[in-house]
Amino acid sequence: MKAIIIEDEKQSADFLELLLQKHHSGIDALVKLRSVEESLEWFRANADPALIFIDIELSDGTCFEILEQVNPTSKLIFTTAYDQHALK
């Protein structure tokens, strides 16, 4: 299964990738994206992956800005340290 990781903190993105490699060998992280802008560029040039691990708060905005513009067909797993986004 092809996946991408959208996370602005390198250590968190690397740790998530390590967990996937260790516990879910069937999930291949294609790329780690670090911002709204970088993510939008990637989606314009690539087909939707099967799975997106996406942090809510990014350095240049929120993941919702990406999702509103791209509307991917992928399954989403939100990753965040902030519980105030749970309802959105």
Protein backbone atom coordinates (compact mmCIF):
# COMPACT_ATOMS: atom_id res chain seq x y z
CA MET A 1 0.00 0.00 0.00
CA LYS A 2 1.42 3.37 -1.00
CA ALA A 3 1.33 6.11 1.62
CA ILE A 4 2.63 9.61 2.21
CA ILE A 5 3.48 11.37 5.44
CA ILE A 6 2.69 15.06 5.83
CA GLU A 7 4.46 16.28 8.98
CA ASP A 8 6.49 19.44 9.52
CA GLU A 9 8.59 18.04 12.37
CA LYS A 10 11.34 15.88 10.88
CA GLN A 11 11.79 13.78 14.02
CA SER A 12 8.07 12.93 14.14
CA ALA A 13 7.95 12.08 10.43
CA ASP A 14 11.04 9.87 10.73
CA PHE A 15 9.61 8.11 13.79
CA LEU A 16 6.30 7.43 12.03
CA GLU A 17 8.15 6.05 9.03
CA LEU A 18 10.21 3.82 11.32
CA LEU A 19 7.05 2.51 13.02
CA LEU A 20 5.52 1.72 9.64
CA GLN A 21 8.63 -0.13 8.48
CA LYS A 22 8.81 -2.11 11.72
CA HIS A 23 5.14 -2.99 12.21
CA HIS A 24 3.43 -2.62 8.83
CA SER A 25 5.72 -3.86 6.09
CA GLY A 26 2.86 -3.68 3.59
CA ILE A 27 2.77 0.13 3.82
CA ASP A 28 5.41 1.95 1.77
CA ALA A 29 5.93 5.63 2.59
CA LEU A 30 6.54 7.24 -0.79
CA VAL A 31 7.47 10.66 0.48
CA LYS A 32 7.55 12.86 3.57
CA LEU A 33 6.14 16.34 2.96
CA ARG A 34 6.70 19.20 5.40
CA SER A 35 4.30 22.02 4.50
CA VAL A 36 0.99 22.99 2.95
CA GLU A 37 2.78 24.46 -0.07
CA GLU A 38 5.00 21.42 -0.61
CA SER A 39 2.01 19.09 -0.23
CA LEU A 40 -0.11 21.00 -2.74
CA GLU A 41 2.73 20.86 -5.28
CA TRP A 42 3.12 17.10 -4.73
CA PHE A 43 -0.61 16.41 -5.16
CA ARG A 44 -0.71 18.41 -8.40
CA ALA A 45 2.04 16.23 -9.87
CA ASN A 46 1.13 12.78 -8.47
CA ALA A 47 -1.75 10.37 -8.20
CA ASP A 48 -3.42 10.01 -4.81
CA PRO A 49 -1.75 7.42 -2.57
CA ALA A 50 -3.88 4.82 -0.82
CA LEU A 51 -3.13 6.29 2.61
CA ILE A 52 -2.13 9.69 4.01
CA PHE A 53 -0.70 10.25 7.48
CA ILE A 54 -1.30 13.95 8.00
CA ASP A 55 -0.41 16.32 10.81
CA ILE A 56 -3.05 18.97 11.46
CA GLU A 57 -0.80 21.91 12.38
CA LEU A 58 1.92 22.54 9.79
CA SER A 59 4.50 25.32 9.71
CA ASP A 60 2.63 27.31 7.03
CA GLY A 61 -1.00 26.46 7.83
CA THR A 62 -3.21 23.47 8.55
CA CYS A 63 -3.89 20.23 6.76
CA PHE A 64 -7.44 21.42 6.13
CA GLU A 65 -6.05 23.95 3.63
CA ILE A 66 -4.56 21.04 1.69
CA LEU A 67 -7.68 18.89 1.87
CA GLU A 68 -9.97 21.72 0.75
CA GLN A 69 -7.89 22.34 -2.37
CA VAL A 70 -6.95 18.78 -3.29
CA ASN A 71 -9.82 16.62 -1.99
CA PRO A 72 -7.86 13.33 -2.20
CA THR A 73 -9.58 9.97 -2.44
CA SER A 74 -7.04 8.49 0.00
CA LYS A 75 -7.81 7.19 3.45
CA LEU A 76 -6.63 9.74 6.04
CA ILE A 77 -5.00 9.20 9.40
CA PHE A 78 -4.68 12.47 11.30
CA THR A 79 -1.66 12.87 13.54
CA THR A 80 -1.59 15.73 16.01
CA ALA A 81 -0.67 16.72 19.53
CA TYR A 82 -3.65 19.11 19.71
CA ASP A 83 -7.02 17.69 20.77
CA GLN A 84 -8.99 20.85 19.84
CA HIS A 85 -8.98 19.67 16.21
CA ALA A 86 -10.71 16.36 16.93
CA LEU A 87 -14.20 17.54 15.99
CA LYS A 88 -13.24 19.19 12.73
